[in-house]
C-alpha atoms as a PDB file:
ATOM      1  CA  MET A   1     122.428 100.429 125.348  1.00  0.00           C
ATOM      2  CA  ASN A   2     121.213  98.417 128.539  1.00  0.00           C
ATOM      3  CA  LYS A   3     124.427  99.729 130.186  1.00  0.00           C
ATOM      4  CA  ASN A   4     123.998 103.249 129.421  1.00  0.00           C
ATOM      5  CA  ASN A   5     119.568 102.473 129.988  1.00  0.00           C
ATOM      6  CA  ALA A   6     119.184 104.337 126.349  1.00  0.00           C
ATOM      7  CA  LYS A   7     116.055 103.684 124.308  1.00  0.00           C
ATOM      8  CA  LYS A   8     115.807 103.017 120.790  1.00  0.00           C
ATOM      9  CA  PHE A   9     112.912 104.627 119.701  1.00  0.00           C
ATOM     10  CA  VAL A  10     110.532 103.042 117.247  1.00  0.00           C
ATOM     11  CA  ALA A  11     109.813 104.584 112.986  1.00  0.00           C
ATOM     12  CA  TYR A  12     106.911 105.753 112.396  1.00  0.00           C
ATOM     13  CA  SER A  13     105.041 107.023 109.377  1.00  0.00           C
ATOM     14  CA  LEU A  14     101.236 109.381 109.887  1.00  0.00           C
ATOM     15  CA  VAL A  15      98.642 109.769 107.586  1.00  0.00           C
ATOM     16  CA  GLU A  16      95.736 111.162 107.661  1.00  0.00           C
ATOM     17  CA  VAL A  17      92.712 110.005 105.598  1.00  0.00           C
ATOM     18  CA  GLU A  18      88.762 111.321 106.225  1.00  0.00           C
ATOM     19  CA  SER A  19      89.723 112.659 109.527  1.00  0.00           C
ATOM     20  CA  ASP A  20      91.254 109.786 110.623  1.00  0.00           C
ATOM     21  CA  VAL A  21      94.596 109.654 111.409  1.00  0.00           C
ATOM     22  CA  ASN A  22      96.351 106.259 111.071  1.00  0.00           C
ATOM     23  CA  LYS A  23      99.967 105.206 112.333  1.00  0.00           C
ATOM     24  CA  PHE A  24     102.110 102.832 110.633  1.00  0.00           C
ATOM     25  CA  VAL A  25     105.377 101.634 111.651  1.00  0.00           C
ATOM     26  CA  SER A  26     108.056  99.343 108.944  1.00  0.00           C
ATOM     27  CA  GLU A  27     106.439  96.077 108.554  1.00  0.00           C
ATOM     28  CA  ASP A  28     103.110  96.937 110.651  1.00  0.00           C
ATOM     29  CA  ARG A  29     101.011  93.980 110.840  1.00  0.00           C
ATOM     30  CA  ALA A  30      98.823  95.135 113.195  1.00  0.00           C
ATOM     31  CA  HIS A  31      96.111  97.630 111.264  1.00  0.00           C
ATOM     32  CA  PRO A  32      93.133  96.271 110.302  1.00  0.00           C
ATOM     33  CA  ALA A  33      93.263  96.467 106.889  1.00  0.00           C
ATOM     34  CA  VAL A  34      96.910  94.899 106.658  1.00  0.00           C
ATOM     35  CA  GLU A  35      95.836  92.474 103.880  1.00  0.00           C
ATOM     36  CA  LYS A  36      94.047  95.067 101.831  1.00  0.00           C
ATOM     37  CA  ILE A  37      97.490  97.401 102.837  1.00  0.00           C
ATOM     38  CA  TYR A  38      99.693  94.648 101.668  1.00  0.00           C
ATOM     39  CA  ASP A  39      98.000  93.572  98.585  1.00  0.00           C
ATOM     40  CA  GLU A  40      98.073  97.139  97.205  1.00  0.00           C
ATOM     41  CA  LEU A  41     101.555  97.895  97.935  1.00  0.00           C
ATOM     42  CA  ASN A  42     102.802  94.828  96.645  1.00  0.00           C
ATOM     43  CA  ILE A  43     100.667  95.385  93.801  1.00  0.00           C
ATOM     44  CA  LEU A  44     102.538  99.466  93.399  1.00  0.00           C
ATOM     45  CA  ILE A  45     105.405  98.112  93.725  1.00  0.00           C
ATOM     46  CA  SER A  46     105.464  95.653  90.258  1.00  0.00           C
ATOM     47  CA  ILE A  47     104.127  98.232  88.765  1.00  0.00           C
ATOM     48  CA  LEU A  48     106.454 100.725  89.672  1.00  0.00           C
ATOM     49  CA  GLN A  49     108.850  98.006  89.194  1.00  0.00           C
ATOM     50  CA  GLN A  50     107.722  97.538  85.649  1.00  0.00           C
ATOM     51  CA  ILE A  51     108.616 101.805  85.375  1.00  0.00           C
ATOM     52  CA  GLY A  52     112.099 101.315  86.415  1.00  0.00           C
ATOM     53  CA  TYR A  53     111.703 101.162  90.207  1.00  0.00           C
ATOM     54  CA  ASN A  54     114.374  99.484  91.300  1.00  0.00           C
ATOM     55  CA  PRO A  55     114.147  98.938  95.216  1.00  0.00           C
ATOM     56  CA  ASN A  56     117.302  99.697  96.373  1.00  0.00           C
ATOM     57  CA  THR A  57     118.275  96.219  99.163  1.00  0.00           C
ATOM     58  CA  ASN A  58     122.235  97.567  99.808  1.00  0.00           C
ATOM     59  CA  ILE A  59     120.720 100.039 102.587  1.00  0.00           C
ATOM     60  CA  VAL A  60     120.064  97.492 104.302  1.00  0.00           C
ATOM     61  CA  LEU A  61     122.844  96.398 107.319  1.00  0.00           C
ATOM     62  CA  ASP A  62     121.230  92.791 108.138  1.00  0.00           C
ATOM     63  CA  ASN A  63     123.300  90.225 107.300  1.00  0.00           C
ATOM     64  CA  VAL A  64     120.451  88.211 105.212  1.00  0.00           C
ATOM     65  CA  GLY A  65     119.964  86.734 101.713  1.00  0.00           C
ATOM     66  CA  GLN A  66     118.494  89.253  99.351  1.00  0.00           C
ATOM     67  CA  GLU A  67     115.048  88.225  99.415  1.00  0.00           C
ATOM     68  CA  ASP A  68     115.036  89.521 102.827  1.00  0.00           C
ATOM     69  CA  LYS A  69     116.484  92.532 101.966  1.00  0.00           C
ATOM     70  CA  PHE A  70     113.598  92.785  99.616  1.00  0.00           C
ATOM     71  CA  LYS A  71     111.170  92.350 101.921  1.00  0.00           C
ATOM     72  CA  SER A  72     112.337  94.776 104.277  1.00  0.00           C
ATOM     73  CA  ILE A  73     112.843  97.598 102.346  1.00  0.00           C
ATOM     74  CA  SER A  74     109.260  97.050 100.718  1.00  0.00           C
ATOM     75  CA  TYR A  75     107.396  97.375 103.803  1.00  0.00           C
ATOM     76  CA  HIS A  76     108.426 101.044 105.117  1.00  0.00           C
ATOM     77  CA  SER A  77     106.237 102.753 107.513  1.00  0.00           C
ATOM     78  CA  GLU A  78     105.950 105.586 104.451  1.00  0.00           C
ATOM     79  CA  LYS A  79     104.645 103.274 101.810  1.00  0.00           C
ATOM     80  CA  LEU A  80     102.253 101.600 104.241  1.00  0.00           C
ATOM     81  CA  ALA A  81     100.954 104.323 104.843  1.00  0.00           C
ATOM     82  CA  LEU A  82     101.092 105.391 101.256  1.00  0.00           C
ATOM     83  CA  ALA A  83      98.906 102.043  99.841  1.00  0.00           C
ATOM     84  CA  PHE A  84      96.329 102.924 102.966  1.00  0.00           C
ATOM     85  CA  ALA A  85      95.492 106.006 101.326  1.00  0.00           C
ATOM     86  CA  LEU A  86      95.146 104.939  97.990  1.00  0.00           C
ATOM     87  CA  ILE A  87      93.269 102.093  99.297  1.00  0.00           C
ATOM     88  CA  ARG A  88      90.959 104.945 100.597  1.00  0.00           C
ATOM     89  CA  LYS A  89      91.538 107.252  98.562  1.00  0.00           C
ATOM     90  CA  PRO A  90      91.829 105.872  94.950  1.00  0.00           C
ATOM     91  CA  ASN A  91      90.796 108.324  92.495  1.00  0.00           C
ATOM     92  CA  GLY A  92      91.298 111.725  94.390  1.00  0.00           C
ATOM     93  CA  ILE A  93      93.489 114.660  93.747  1.00  0.00           C
ATOM     94  CA  ALA A  94      93.865 115.689  96.328  1.00  0.00           C
ATOM     95  CA  PRO A  95      97.880 115.383  97.077  1.00  0.00           C
ATOM     96  CA  ILE A  96      98.678 112.421  99.826  1.00  0.00           C
ATOM     97  CA  ARG A  97     100.189 113.712 102.941  1.00  0.00           C
ATOM     98  CA  ILE A  98     102.540 111.809 104.956  1.00  0.00           C
ATOM     99  CA  ILE A  99     104.269 112.250 108.309  1.00  0.00           C
ATOM    100  CA  LYS A 100     107.832 110.134 108.979  1.00  0.00           C
ATOM    101  CA  ASN A 101     108.911 110.658 112.559  1.00  0.00           C
ATOM    102  CA  ILE A 102     113.062 110.564 111.151  1.00  0.00           C
ATOM    103  CA  HIS A 103     114.617 111.253 108.264  1.00  0.00           C
ATOM    104  CA  VAL A 104     113.210 109.280 104.702  1.00  0.00           C
ATOM    105  CA  CYS A 105     115.642 107.165 103.426  1.00  0.00           C
ATOM    106  CA  ASP A 106     116.521 106.826  99.895  1.00  0.00           C
ATOM    107  CA  ASP A 107     114.681 103.969  98.528  1.00  0.00           C
ATOM    108  CA  CYS A 108     111.455 105.242  99.736  1.00  0.00           C
ATOM    109  CA  HIS A 109     112.421 108.941  98.534  1.00  0.00           C
ATOM    110  CA  VAL A 110     112.661 107.525  94.882  1.00  0.00           C
ATOM    111  CA  PHE A 111     109.916 105.120  95.645  1.00  0.00           C
ATOM    112  CA  MET A 112     107.480 107.966  96.185  1.00  0.00           C
ATOM    113  CA  LYS A 113     109.025 109.443  92.904  1.00  0.00           C
ATOM    114  CA  PHE A 114     107.663 107.023  91.200  1.00  0.00           C
ATOM    115  CA  ALA A 115     104.618 106.074  92.472  1.00  0.00           C
ATOM    116  CA  SER A 116     103.488 110.176  92.120  1.00  0.00           C
ATOM    117  CA  VAL A 117     103.615 109.386  88.240  1.00  0.00           C
ATOM    118  CA  HIS A 118     102.446 105.937  88.402  1.00  0.00           C
ATOM    119  CA  ILE A 119      99.322 107.462  90.688  1.00  0.00           C
ATOM    120  CA  GLY A 120      98.852 111.183  89.596  1.00  0.00           C
ATOM    121  CA  ARG A 121      98.791 112.612  92.314  1.00  0.00           C
ATOM    122  CA  THR A 122     101.043 114.908  94.405  1.00  0.00           C
ATOM    123  CA  ILE A 123     102.636 112.809  97.998  1.00  0.00           C
ATOM    124  CA  ILE A 124     103.624 115.267 100.685  1.00  0.00           C
ATOM    125  CA  LEU A 125     105.773 113.547 102.787  1.00  0.00           C
ATOM    126  CA  ARG A 126     106.908 115.266 105.997  1.00  0.00           C
ATOM    127  CA  ASP A 127     110.445 114.020 107.286  1.00  0.00           C
ATOM    128  CA  LEU A 128     112.414 115.539 110.054  1.00  0.00           C
ATOM    129  CA  ASN A 129     114.222 117.374 108.371  1.00  0.00           C
ATOM    130  CA  LYS A 130     111.996 118.863 105.053  1.00  0.00           C
ATOM    131  CA  PHE A 131     108.390 118.919 103.280  1.00  0.00           C
ATOM    132  CA  HIS A 132     108.930 116.710  99.805  1.00  0.00           C
ATOM    133  CA  HIS A 133     106.365 117.562  97.556  1.00  0.00           C
ATOM    134  CA  PHE A 134     106.812 114.462  94.805  1.00  0.00           C
ATOM    135  CA  SER A 135     104.802 115.271  91.538  1.00  0.00           C
ATOM    136  CA  GLY A 136     105.653 113.933  88.293  1.00  0.00           C
ATOM    137  CA  GLY A 137     108.379 112.025  88.946  1.00  0.00           C
ATOM    138  CA  LYS A 138     110.073 114.751  90.696  1.00  0.00           C
ATOM    139  CA  CYS A 139     110.455 116.026  94.759  1.00  0.00           C
ATOM    140  CA  SER A 140     110.444 119.627  95.432  1.00  0.00           C
ATOM    141  CA  CYS A 141     114.107 118.883  97.259  1.00  0.00           C
ATOM    142  CA  LYS A 142     115.544 118.284  93.963  1.00  0.00           C
ATOM    143  CA  ASP A 143     117.722 114.656  95.956  1.00  0.00           C
ATOM    144  CA  HIS A 144     119.419 116.571  98.082  1.00  0.00           C
ATOM    145  CA  TRP A 145     117.790 116.114 101.393  1.00  0.00           C
ATOM    146  CA  LEU A 146     120.335 114.681 103.589  1.00  0.00           C
END
């Protein structure tokens, strides 16, 4: 990549809450509310695991242990964006809207389906090619998004 002067761009997610657009990258620690975001996300992951969500660590290509794979998959940008939206608007009825600059991964897609059941709200996730409307544990793409 260096020889060809190729650059890898950073994957990110955007979420708008109360007219403020917030940007997150995977395992982001730069946001001012980082501790609250991670606390909210860890609670949400734990609850979703109790109702059947099983993180797919097989998609992590790094040669690391299971715990590191779990951490890597748990803190993708769209999950951080969702946690932030839930902190700022925990009891809303309006859909949560997230924009992702690349394809949503399989694990995050499954995560959003489970999250839509638990929080009782629609999550709209716009990735590179589709709008995903997650509601009641289902996605509008019928799991055919790749």
